[in-house]
Each structure stands twice: as C-alpha cells, then as structure tokens.
N, C-alpha and C. Protein backbone atom coordinates (compact mmCIF):
# COMPACT_ATOMS: atom_id res chain seq x y z
N MET A 1 0.35 -1.55 0.03
CA MET A 1 -0.54 -0.03 0.20
C MET A 1 0.82 1.39 -0.01
N LYS A 2 0.91 2.06 -1.57
CA LYS A 2 0.99 3.59 -0.80
C LYS A 2 0.65 4.26 -0.44
N MET A 3 2.07 5.02 0.21
CA MET A 3 1.02 6.25 1.70
C MET A 3 1.68 7.68 0.72
N THR A 4 0.73 8.36 0.61
CA THR A 4 1.16 9.73 0.65
C THR A 4 1.70 10.45 1.84
N VAL A 5 2.42 11.10 1.72
CA VAL A 5 2.27 12.41 2.83
C VAL A 5 2.47 14.22 2.46
N ARG A 6 2.40 14.62 3.30
CA ARG A 6 2.55 15.59 2.39
C ARG A 6 2.94 16.54 3.04
N ILE A 7 4.81 16.84 3.04
CA ILE A 7 5.45 17.89 4.06
C ILE A 7 5.42 19.14 3.14
N SER A 8 5.84 20.23 4.92
CA SER A 8 6.35 21.21 3.97
C SER A 8 7.34 21.52 3.74
N ARG A 9 7.71 22.76 3.09
CA ARG A 9 8.68 22.64 2.39
C ARG A 9 10.02 23.21 3.14
N PRO A 10 10.98 22.69 3.20
CA PRO A 10 12.08 23.19 4.27
C PRO A 10 13.05 24.54 4.89
N SER A 11 12.57 24.84 5.36
CA SER A 11 13.44 26.62 5.62
C SER A 11 14.23 26.68 5.30
N PRO A 12 14.36 27.10 4.52
CA PRO A 12 16.09 27.59 4.08
C PRO A 12 16.89 28.32 5.02
N VAL A 13 18.12 27.71 5.37
CA VAL A 13 19.55 27.76 6.07
C VAL A 13 19.92 29.37 5.39
N GLU A 14 19.67 30.12 6.50
CA GLU A 14 20.75 31.49 7.19
C GLU A 14 22.29 31.78 5.62
N PRO A 15 21.55 32.34 4.25
CA PRO A 15 22.80 32.05 3.54
C PRO A 15 24.70 31.67 4.52
N GLU A 16 24.44 33.24 5.47
CA GLU A 16 25.72 33.00 5.92
C GLU A 16 26.21 32.26 5.91
N LEU A 17 25.24 31.99 7.46
CA LEU A 17 25.60 30.26 8.17
C LEU A 17 26.25 29.39 7.06
N LEU A 18 25.70 29.66 6.04
CA LEU A 18 25.67 28.23 4.53
C LEU A 18 27.33 28.35 3.79
N ALA A 19 27.18 29.52 3.59
CA ALA A 19 28.41 29.87 3.73
C ALA A 19 29.45 29.49 4.26
N LYS A 20 28.91 30.10 5.37
CA LYS A 20 30.35 29.44 6.45
C LYS A 20 30.94 28.15 6.70
N PHE A 21 29.89 27.19 6.67
CA PHE A 21 30.06 26.38 5.98
C PHE A 21 30.79 25.62 5.61
N VAL A 22 29.86 26.17 4.37
CA VAL A 22 31.55 25.26 3.19
C VAL A 22 32.58 26.12 3.26
N ILE A 23 32.76 27.08 2.99
CA ILE A 23 33.94 27.57 2.99
C ILE A 23 34.96 26.94 4.00
N GLN A 24 35.15 26.04 5.97
CA GLN A 24 35.44 25.43 6.41
C GLN A 24 35.71 24.12 6.03
N ARG A 25 34.51 24.01 5.38
CA ARG A 25 34.22 22.04 4.79
C ARG A 25 35.52 22.00 3.43
N CYS A 26 35.80 23.60 2.72
CA CYS A 26 36.41 23.37 1.64
C CYS A 26 37.73 24.09 3.07
N ARG A 27 37.84 24.51 3.31
CA ARG A 27 40.09 24.77 3.50
C ARG A 27 40.17 23.11 4.15
N GLU A 28 38.83 22.34 4.70
CA GLU A 28 39.31 21.41 5.53
C GLU A 28 40.20 20.41 5.07
N VAL A 29 39.92 19.84 3.82
CA VAL A 29 39.97 19.02 2.99
C VAL A 29 40.80 19.52 1.09
N THR A 30 42.14 19.09 0.32
CA THR A 30 42.36 19.46 -0.31
C THR A 30 40.97 19.04 -1.91
N GLU A 31 40.48 18.07 -1.74
CA GLU A 31 38.48 18.60 -2.47
C GLU A 31 37.67 18.31 -2.23
N PRO A 32 37.16 18.90 -1.28
CA PRO A 32 35.20 19.25 -0.67
C PRO A 32 34.34 17.42 -1.17
N PRO A 33 34.17 17.40 -0.65
CA PRO A 33 33.23 16.07 -1.35
C PRO A 33 32.22 16.99 -1.84
N PRO A 34 31.31 15.84 -3.14
CA PRO A 34 30.53 16.77 -4.45
C PRO A 34 29.25 18.00 -3.29
N VAL A 35 28.91 16.71 -2.06
CA VAL A 35 27.70 17.72 -1.26
C VAL A 35 28.61 19.09 -1.21
N VAL A 36 29.24 19.12 -0.52
CA VAL A 36 29.42 20.14 0.10
C VAL A 36 29.63 21.79 -1.31
N VAL A 37 30.33 20.98 -2.61
CA VAL A 37 30.25 21.76 -3.50
C VAL A 37 28.53 22.33 -4.13
N ALA A 38 27.74 21.07 -4.06
CA ALA A 38 26.80 21.44 -4.80
C ALA A 38 25.67 22.19 -3.94
N LEU A 39 26.15 22.48 -2.79
CA LEU A 39 25.66 22.62 -1.64
C LEU A 39 26.30 24.23 -2.24
N ALA A 40 27.04 24.79 -2.22
CA ALA A 40 27.33 25.63 -3.05
C ALA A 40 27.20 26.38 -3.98
N LEU A 41 26.85 25.29 -5.47
CA LEU A 41 26.37 26.09 -5.94
C LEU A 41 24.94 26.56 -5.61
N ALA A 42 24.45 25.56 -4.88
CA ALA A 42 23.01 25.52 -5.09
C ALA A 42 22.69 27.17 -4.42
N MET A 43 23.68 27.32 -2.91
CA MET A 43 23.92 28.52 -2.42
C MET A 43 24.04 30.33 -3.13
N VAL A 44 25.21 29.27 -4.51
CA VAL A 44 24.72 31.21 -5.03
C VAL A 44 24.29 31.21 -6.57
N SER A 45 22.94 30.96 -7.03
CA SER A 45 21.93 29.81 -7.33
C SER A 45 21.42 31.71 -8.36
N ARG A 46 21.60 32.69 -7.12
CA ARG A 46 20.99 33.61 -7.37
C ARG A 46 22.22 34.35 -8.41
N ASP A 47 23.00 34.65 -8.02
CA ASP A 47 23.57 35.22 -8.80
C ASP A 47 24.40 34.12 -9.96
N ASP A 48 23.93 35.07 -11.22
CA ASP A 48 23.80 34.37 -12.27
C ASP A 48 26.18 34.08 -12.72
N ASP A 49 26.67 35.55 -12.51
CA ASP A 49 27.77 35.52 -13.17
C ASP A 49 28.54 34.52 -12.27
N PHE A 50 28.01 34.52 -10.75
CA PHE A 50 28.99 34.15 -9.62
C PHE A 50 28.40 32.43 -9.30
N TYR A 51 27.60 31.97 -9.99
CA TYR A 51 26.75 30.57 -10.57
C TYR A 51 27.76 30.44 -11.84
N ASP A 52 27.53 31.01 -12.73
CA ASP A 52 28.43 30.63 -14.31
C ASP A 52 29.77 29.67 -13.66
N ARG A 53 30.68 30.80 -13.74
CA ARG A 53 32.72 31.21 -12.91
C ARG A 53 32.34 29.56 -12.12
N LEU A 54 31.56 29.39 -11.17
CA LEU A 54 31.53 28.40 -10.44
C LEU A 54 31.04 26.88 -10.70
N LYS A 55 30.29 27.31 -12.03
CA LYS A 55 30.19 25.36 -12.16
C LYS A 55 31.11 25.38 -13.26
N ASP A 56 31.95 26.80 -13.73
CA ASP A 56 33.05 26.57 -14.73
C ASP A 56 33.74 25.41 -13.74
N LEU A 57 34.12 25.92 -12.72
CA LEU A 57 35.35 25.77 -12.20
C LEU A 57 35.52 24.60 -11.40
N ILE A 58 33.87 23.13 -11.53
CA ILE A 58 33.72 21.92 -10.80
C ILE A 58 33.48 21.81 -12.41
N SER A 59 32.43 22.27 -13.45
CA SER A 59 33.00 21.19 -14.85
C SER A 59 34.51 20.21 -15.03
N SER A 60 35.72 21.20 -14.96
CA SER A 60 36.76 20.62 -15.03
C SER A 60 37.59 19.05 -14.35
N SER A 61 36.33 19.39 -13.30
CA SER A 61 36.39 17.35 -11.96
C SER A 61 35.04 16.24 -12.54
N SER A 62 36.10 15.59 -12.43
CA SER A 62 35.45 14.05 -12.73
C SER A 62 33.94 14.45 -11.76
N GLY A 63 34.31 14.74 -10.83
CA GLY A 63 32.58 14.48 -10.61
C GLY A 63 31.67 15.42 -10.80
N ALA A 64 31.36 16.24 -12.22
CA ALA A 64 31.03 17.10 -11.92
C ALA A 64 29.41 17.21 -12.05
N ALA A 65 29.03 15.65 -13.24
CA ALA A 65 27.79 15.13 -12.63
C ALA A 65 27.50 14.78 -11.88
N ASP A 66 28.18 14.62 -10.91
CA ASP A 66 26.96 14.27 -9.57
C ASP A 66 27.13 15.03 -8.78
N ILE A 67 28.04 16.11 -9.04
CA ILE A 67 27.14 17.90 -8.66
C ILE A 67 26.70 18.51 -9.19
N LEU A 68 25.97 18.95 -10.21
CA LEU A 68 25.27 19.47 -10.51
C LEU A 68 23.89 18.55 -10.03
N ARG A 69 23.95 17.12 -11.01
CA ARG A 69 22.36 16.71 -10.39
C ARG A 69 22.26 16.74 -9.01
N MET A 70 22.81 16.99 -8.25
CA MET A 70 22.96 16.48 -6.79
C MET A 70 21.86 18.05 -6.18
N CYS A 71 22.49 19.51 -7.26
CA CYS A 71 22.20 20.18 -7.07
C CYS A 71 21.17 20.71 -7.38
N HIS A 72 20.30 20.40 -8.71
CA HIS A 72 19.00 20.38 -9.19
C HIS A 72 18.26 19.91 -8.63
N GLU A 73 18.46 18.86 -7.88
CA GLU A 73 17.34 17.76 -7.45
C GLU A 73 17.41 17.89 -5.55
N VAL A 74 18.21 18.11 -5.68
CA VAL A 74 17.86 18.44 -3.64
C VAL A 74 18.61 19.78 -3.22
N PHE A 75 19.21 20.73 -4.01
CA PHE A 75 19.63 21.43 -3.02
C PHE A 75 18.80 22.52 -3.43
N LEU A 76 18.67 23.07 -4.72
CA LEU A 76 18.18 24.05 -5.43
C LEU A 76 16.26 23.83 -4.64
N PRO A 77 15.65 22.78 -5.17
CA PRO A 77 14.59 22.52 -4.65
C PRO A 77 14.13 22.67 -2.57
N ALA A 78 15.02 22.25 -2.97
CA ALA A 78 15.02 22.79 -0.63
C ALA A 78 15.46 24.20 -0.39
N LEU A 79 16.04 24.89 -0.60
CA LEU A 79 16.74 25.69 -1.05
C LEU A 79 14.81 26.94 -1.17
N GLY A 80 14.25 25.86 -1.51
CA GLY A 80 13.43 27.02 -2.66
C GLY A 80 12.87 27.46 -3.54
N ARG A 81 14.88 27.15 -3.91
CA ARG A 81 15.03 28.04 -5.59
C ARG A 81 14.53 26.63 -6.71
N VAL A 82 13.10 26.16 -7.02
CA VAL A 82 12.93 25.60 -7.95
C VAL A 82 12.79 26.30 -9.22
N PRO A 83 13.90 24.37 -9.86
CA PRO A 83 14.45 25.51 -11.20
C PRO A 83 13.90 25.89 -12.49
N ASP A 84 12.97 26.54 -12.92
CA ASP A 84 12.87 28.01 -13.28
C ASP A 84 13.18 29.56 -12.44
N ALA A 85 12.74 28.78 -11.44
CA ALA A 85 13.42 30.53 -10.98
C ALA A 85 14.78 31.05 -10.59
N ALA A 86 15.64 29.74 -10.19
CA ALA A 86 16.71 30.25 -9.91
C ALA A 86 17.58 29.99 -10.59
N SER A 87 17.27 28.87 -11.38
CA SER A 87 19.18 28.30 -11.62
C SER A 87 19.17 28.60 -13.66
N PRO A 88 20.50 29.13 -13.74
CA PRO A 88 20.40 29.56 -15.06
C PRO A 88 19.89 28.24 -16.45
N ASP A 89 20.61 27.12 -16.14
CA ASP A 89 20.72 26.19 -16.79
C ASP A 89 19.97 25.27 -16.00
N SER A 90 18.77 25.34 -16.31
CA SER A 90 17.90 23.99 -15.46
C SER A 90 18.19 22.91 -15.53
N LEU A 91 17.63 22.14 -15.39
CA LEU A 91 17.22 20.55 -15.69
C LEU A 91 15.71 20.57 -17.10
N ASP A 92 14.43 20.96 -15.98
CA ASP A 92 13.31 20.76 -17.19
C ASP A 92 12.74 22.32 -16.92
N ARG A 93 12.86 22.41 -17.23
CA ARG A 93 11.62 24.09 -16.77
C ARG A 93 10.40 24.09 -16.61
N SER A 94 10.30 22.45 -17.48
CA SER A 94 8.47 22.40 -17.34
C SER A 94 8.73 21.89 -15.89
N GLU A 95 9.27 20.57 -15.29
CA GLU A 95 8.34 19.97 -14.08
C GLU A 95 8.87 21.47 -12.88
N GLU A 96 7.69 21.50 -11.79
CA GLU A 96 8.02 22.69 -11.62
C GLU A 96 9.32 21.88 -10.01
N CYS A 97 8.52 20.63 -9.54
CA CYS A 97 10.16 20.43 -8.59
C CYS A 97 11.05 19.13 -9.20
N PRO A 98 11.74 18.88 -10.14
CA PRO A 98 12.71 17.58 -10.27
C PRO A 98 12.38 16.06 -9.45
N VAL A 99 11.81 15.66 -9.87
CA VAL A 99 12.01 13.85 -9.54
C VAL A 99 13.36 13.38 -8.99
N LEU A 100 13.21 13.06 -7.26
CA LEU A 100 14.95 13.22 -6.88
C LEU A 100 15.69 11.54 -7.47
N ASP A 101 16.56 11.30 -7.17
CA ASP A 101 17.04 10.20 -6.90
C ASP A 101 17.65 9.92 -5.83
N GLU A 102 16.87 8.99 -5.81
CA GLU A 102 17.62 8.33 -4.71
C GLU A 102 18.53 7.98 -3.55
N ARG A 103 19.90 7.35 -5.07
CA ARG A 103 21.43 7.21 -5.19
C ARG A 103 21.92 8.31 -4.40
N THR A 104 21.86 9.79 -5.53
CA THR A 104 21.88 10.74 -4.90
C THR A 104 21.36 12.22 -2.81
N CYS A 105 19.60 10.90 -3.09
CA CYS A 105 19.58 11.05 -1.86
C CYS A 105 20.21 11.26 -0.62
N ARG A 106 20.54 9.31 -1.04
CA ARG A 106 21.43 8.81 0.43
C ARG A 106 23.00 9.11 0.57
N GLU A 107 23.52 10.08 -0.72
CA GLU A 107 24.47 10.56 -0.88
C GLU A 107 24.56 11.57 0.17
N VAL A 108 23.48 12.38 0.05
CA VAL A 108 23.18 13.48 0.72
C VAL A 108 23.11 12.55 2.45
N LEU A 109 22.38 12.21 2.44
CA LEU A 109 22.49 11.21 3.46
C LEU A 109 23.62 11.26 4.74
N ASP A 110 23.94 10.10 3.56
CA ASP A 110 25.81 9.84 4.45
C ASP A 110 26.58 10.95 4.45
N TYR A 111 26.50 11.99 3.83
CA TYR A 111 27.18 13.02 4.37
C TYR A 111 26.63 13.09 5.75
N ALA A 112 25.26 14.28 5.84
CA ALA A 112 24.49 14.87 6.75
C ALA A 112 24.91 13.36 8.00
N LEU A 113 25.24 12.03 7.91
CA LEU A 113 25.50 11.24 9.06
C LEU A 113 26.59 11.22 9.15
N ALA A 114 27.66 11.47 8.61
CA ALA A 114 29.13 11.66 8.50
C ALA A 114 29.13 13.29 9.85
N GLN A 115 28.14 14.15 9.13
CA GLN A 115 28.59 15.58 9.82
C GLN A 115 27.65 15.67 11.28
N SER A 116 26.80 14.58 11.93
CA SER A 116 26.38 14.66 12.81
C SER A 116 27.20 14.25 13.33
N GLY A 117 27.60 12.61 13.03
CA GLY A 117 28.97 11.63 14.46
C GLY A 117 29.36 13.37 14.58
N GLU A 118 30.60 13.68 13.76
CA GLU A 118 31.69 14.42 14.24
C GLU A 118 31.33 15.90 14.78
N MET A 119 29.89 16.43 14.38
CA MET A 119 28.55 17.10 16.14
C MET A 119 28.71 16.99 16.68
N LEU A 120 28.61 15.32 17.17
CA LEU A 120 27.87 14.61 18.49
C LEU A 120 29.35 14.66 19.49
N THR A 121 30.44 14.22 18.27
CA THR A 121 32.27 13.90 18.98
C THR A 121 32.72 15.25 19.88
N GLU A 122 32.45 16.23 18.94
CA GLU A 122 33.48 17.40 19.13
C GLU A 122 32.55 18.59 19.53
N LYS A 123 31.31 18.23 20.48
CA LYS A 123 29.83 18.83 20.73
C LYS A 123 30.16 20.26 20.39
N ASP A 124 30.25 20.32 19.45
CA ASP A 124 30.61 21.82 17.98
C ASP A 124 28.82 21.94 17.84
N PHE A 125 27.99 22.76 18.36
CA PHE A 125 26.90 22.86 16.98
C PHE A 125 26.79 23.70 16.48
N GLU A 126 27.73 24.81 16.55
CA GLU A 126 27.25 25.59 15.01
C GLU A 126 26.31 25.56 14.21
N PHE A 127 26.91 24.08 13.59
CA PHE A 127 26.35 24.54 12.26
C PHE A 127 25.48 23.56 12.09
N VAL A 128 24.89 22.26 13.12
CA VAL A 128 23.44 22.30 13.68
C VAL A 128 22.35 22.66 12.53
N ARG A 129 22.31 23.99 12.42
CA ARG A 129 21.37 24.36 10.92
C ARG A 129 21.38 23.99 9.99
N VAL A 130 22.67 23.64 9.39
CA VAL A 130 22.70 23.39 8.49
C VAL A 130 22.93 21.39 7.65
N VAL A 131 23.04 20.78 8.90
CA VAL A 131 22.95 19.87 8.86
C VAL A 131 21.68 18.99 9.31
N GLU A 132 20.90 19.81 9.76
CA GLU A 132 19.15 19.84 9.78
C GLU A 132 19.17 19.95 8.17
N PHE A 133 19.39 20.71 8.05
CA PHE A 133 19.34 21.07 6.16
C PHE A 133 19.54 20.14 5.41
N LEU A 134 20.55 19.57 5.63
CA LEU A 134 21.24 17.89 4.35
C LEU A 134 19.96 17.03 4.89
N ILE A 135 20.12 17.15 5.82
CA ILE A 135 19.26 15.88 6.23
C ILE A 135 17.44 16.43 5.90
N LYS A 136 17.49 17.21 5.96
CA LYS A 136 16.00 17.10 5.41
C LYS A 136 15.76 17.12 3.90
N ALA A 137 16.61 18.15 2.84
CA ALA A 137 16.96 17.08 1.66
C ALA A 137 16.92 15.72 1.43
N GLY A 138 17.83 15.78 2.30
CA GLY A 138 17.93 13.57 1.96
C GLY A 138 16.31 12.98 1.96
N LEU A 139 16.45 13.63 3.37
CA LEU A 139 15.55 12.74 3.34
C LEU A 139 13.82 12.54 2.40
N SER A 140 14.24 13.69 1.26
CA SER A 140 12.85 13.96 0.77
C SER A 140 11.98 13.06 -0.67
N CYS A 141 13.62 12.08 -0.71
CA CYS A 141 12.92 10.55 -1.39
C CYS A 141 12.26 9.71 0.12
N PHE A 142 12.50 9.78 1.07
CA PHE A 142 11.83 9.41 2.62
C PHE A 142 10.20 9.56 3.16
N PRO A 143 9.64 10.33 2.16
CA PRO A 143 8.25 11.14 2.05
C PRO A 143 7.84 10.83 3.89
N PHE A 144 8.29 9.53 4.93
CA PHE A 144 7.97 9.10 5.87
C PHE A 144 8.67 9.55 7.25
N ARG A 145 10.07 8.87 7.36
CA ARG A 145 10.93 9.92 7.57
C ARG A 145 11.49 11.19 7.70
N LEU A 146 10.89 11.69 6.76
CA LEU A 146 11.06 13.00 6.71
C LEU A 146 9.69 14.11 8.16
N TYR A 147 8.32 13.37 7.46
CA TYR A 147 7.77 13.88 8.20
C TYR A 147 8.33 13.22 9.65
N GLU A 148 8.03 12.61 9.89
CA GLU A 148 8.84 12.05 10.86
C GLU A 148 10.19 12.47 11.83
N PHE A 149 11.24 13.45 10.78
CA PHE A 149 12.29 13.71 11.43
C PHE A 149 11.44 15.28 11.74
N GLU A 150 10.66 15.51 10.78
CA GLU A 150 10.05 17.12 11.26
C GLU A 150 9.27 17.71 12.30
N SER A 151 8.81 16.13 12.67
CA SER A 151 8.76 15.55 14.64
C SER A 151 9.13 16.35 14.82
N VAL A 152 10.47 15.62 15.80
CA VAL A 152 11.75 15.40 16.13
C VAL A 152 12.22 17.11 16.23
N ARG A 153 12.46 17.27 14.92
CA ARG A 153 13.08 18.88 14.89
C ARG A 153 12.12 19.69 15.96
N ASP A 154 10.91 19.41 15.57
CA ASP A 154 9.21 20.44 16.16
C ASP A 154 9.80 19.82 17.94
N SER A 155 9.93 19.12 18.09
CA SER A 155 10.84 17.85 19.66
C SER A 155 11.85 18.78 20.08
N PHE A 156 12.38 19.23 19.04
CA PHE A 156 14.53 19.13 19.74
C PHE A 156 14.53 20.31 19.37
N GLN A 157 13.93 21.75 18.93
CA GLN A 157 14.94 22.65 18.29
C GLN A 157 15.89 23.04 19.39
N ASP A 158 15.96 23.27 20.61
CA ASP A 158 16.33 23.85 21.34
C ASP A 158 17.39 22.74 22.22
N ASP A 159 17.64 21.54 20.92
CA ASP A 159 18.26 20.18 22.42
C ASP A 159 19.18 20.16 20.99
N PRO A 160 20.11 20.50 20.31
CA PRO A 160 21.08 20.50 18.88
C PRO A 160 21.24 18.69 19.39
N GLU A 161 21.54 18.22 20.12
CA GLU A 161 22.36 17.19 20.42
C GLU A 161 21.36 16.33 20.53
N ASN A 162 20.25 16.09 21.06
CA ASN A 162 19.52 15.13 21.24
C ASN A 162 19.10 15.55 19.23
N LEU A 163 18.41 16.69 19.16
CA LEU A 163 18.22 17.10 17.37
C LEU A 163 18.71 15.41 16.73
N LEU A 164 20.64 15.70 17.21
CA LEU A 164 21.18 15.07 16.10
C LEU A 164 21.22 12.97 16.69
N ARG A 165 21.43 12.70 17.67
CA ARG A 165 20.83 11.36 17.85
C ARG A 165 19.78 11.35 16.99
N ARG A 166 18.52 11.52 17.33
CA ARG A 166 17.57 11.37 16.65
C ARG A 166 17.47 11.40 15.09
N GLY A 167 18.31 11.69 14.63
CA GLY A 167 18.03 12.45 13.32
C GLY A 167 19.22 10.97 12.76
N ILE A 168 20.37 10.53 13.49
CA ILE A 168 20.62 9.74 12.69
C ILE A 168 19.74 8.53 13.22
N GLU A 169 18.84 8.32 14.15
CA GLU A 169 18.76 7.12 14.11
C GLU A 169 17.40 6.69 12.65
N ILE A 170 16.65 8.25 12.41
CA ILE A 170 15.50 8.06 11.53
C ILE A 170 16.62 8.11 10.22
N ILE A 171 18.25 8.49 10.13
CA ILE A 171 18.66 8.19 8.52
C ILE A 171 19.10 7.00 8.69
N GLY A 172 18.69 6.48 9.97
CA GLY A 172 19.43 4.62 9.68
C GLY A 172 18.00 3.69 9.33
N ALA A 173 16.49 4.19 9.67
CA ALA A 173 15.84 4.21 9.27
C ALA A 173 15.24 3.94 8.24
N ALA A 174 15.66 4.63 7.28
CA ALA A 174 15.20 5.28 5.34
C ALA A 174 16.64 3.98 4.95
N VAL A 175 17.26 4.53 5.17
CA VAL A 175 18.27 4.17 4.26
C VAL A 175 18.22 2.70 4.79
N GLY A 176 17.76 2.18 5.55
CA GLY A 176 18.26 0.74 6.12
C GLY A 176 17.20 -0.15 5.16
N SER A 177 16.05 0.05 4.70
CA SER A 177 14.87 -0.22 4.13
C SER A 177 14.41 -0.31 2.65
N PRO A 178 13.88 -0.33 1.46
CA PRO A 178 13.74 -0.31 0.36
C PRO A 178 12.47 1.50 0.53
N GLN A 179 13.38 2.38 -0.34
CA GLN A 179 12.38 3.03 -0.31
C GLN A 179 10.77 2.91 -0.11
N ASP A 180 9.77 1.89 -0.74
CA ASP A 180 8.02 2.01 -1.14
C ASP A 180 7.93 1.68 0.78
N GLU A 181 8.99 1.21 1.18
CA GLU A 181 8.80 0.84 2.26
C GLU A 181 8.19 1.61 3.47
N ASN A 182 8.98 2.80 3.30
CA ASN A 182 9.02 4.23 4.17
C ASN A 182 7.55 4.87 3.88
C-alpha cells in the first residue's frame, strides 16, 4: 500500500551560515566532497555570473555530473529555488520540482550522518541548522521519514544534541529499508 504524506517545504538556512559551513569544509580538505560543492552551487544560484564561474570551475572535476545533479535535484528545491526561477541552466523548466534520485538522496544523507557524528563527538553544534537542512533535503526521497524528522525537529528545536541523535536514527531507518516501505 502506497502512502501519500504532505510535507512542508524545508525552511532555508541563513545564507551566511551556509557560506561559513561551505568555506570551513573546503578549507579542511584538498578536494571538498560533491555534497559541499553542490551546496555551494545552490547557494549562489541567484547570482548568475558567480554561478556560471563556479559551475565552470567544477565542470573540470570528475564528479561534475554528480555535483550538478545533486545541486538541481536536491539543494535548489530544498532551498526553495525551484529550477524555473533559480538556476540559469535548469534541467527541465517544465517540471515544478524534479523527481529526486534515491542514490543522490542517500549520498546527501551519508554526508549528513558523517557531519552529525562529528558534531556529537566534538560537542560543537555551530552548524546544526546546516546539518538539519541536509537531513531534510536528503529525506525528501523518504516522505514518511521526513515527516518523522520534522516532528523530531519540532520537539528538539532547542536541543541540538538530541536532534542530531534522533536524526541519525531516522537516517538509519530510511536508508536501511527499501524506499517503498517508508
């Protein structure tokens, strides 16, 4: 039996926090993960000139197709920037919101899981809203788990440690079972 769950659009992360997160993660490694680069690309999508320059920069990378797909399928819609209005080179302007690729969602969730674990270990919750955003964007392929995470987020809004702990459990439940069971 298929279930339809209506989910409210994720609230966008403050651009300054998102930029600070992307800059810090890029400084930590020689080659940032595709999730971070796609997040950066989505973040600057409203500035056509900068978007084009960043896109040209990453297009020489071997992961360019994955990065662009992730940007278009996951982050632009999650930031409330549907392809019609946000990106100069939208994938399909006729679609209101692209169909998400489960593999891409899982990649975003894997990154959110790693960031959550790091935050819990270090007890540094500065970027908890960014990780919350990543979890919500990644769970968009798993409507029931997204609904569950939104409830948890409402319950633990002022308790980032427990929000991340419950988020990790929900990610595990989402990726540990086939999509149609969620």
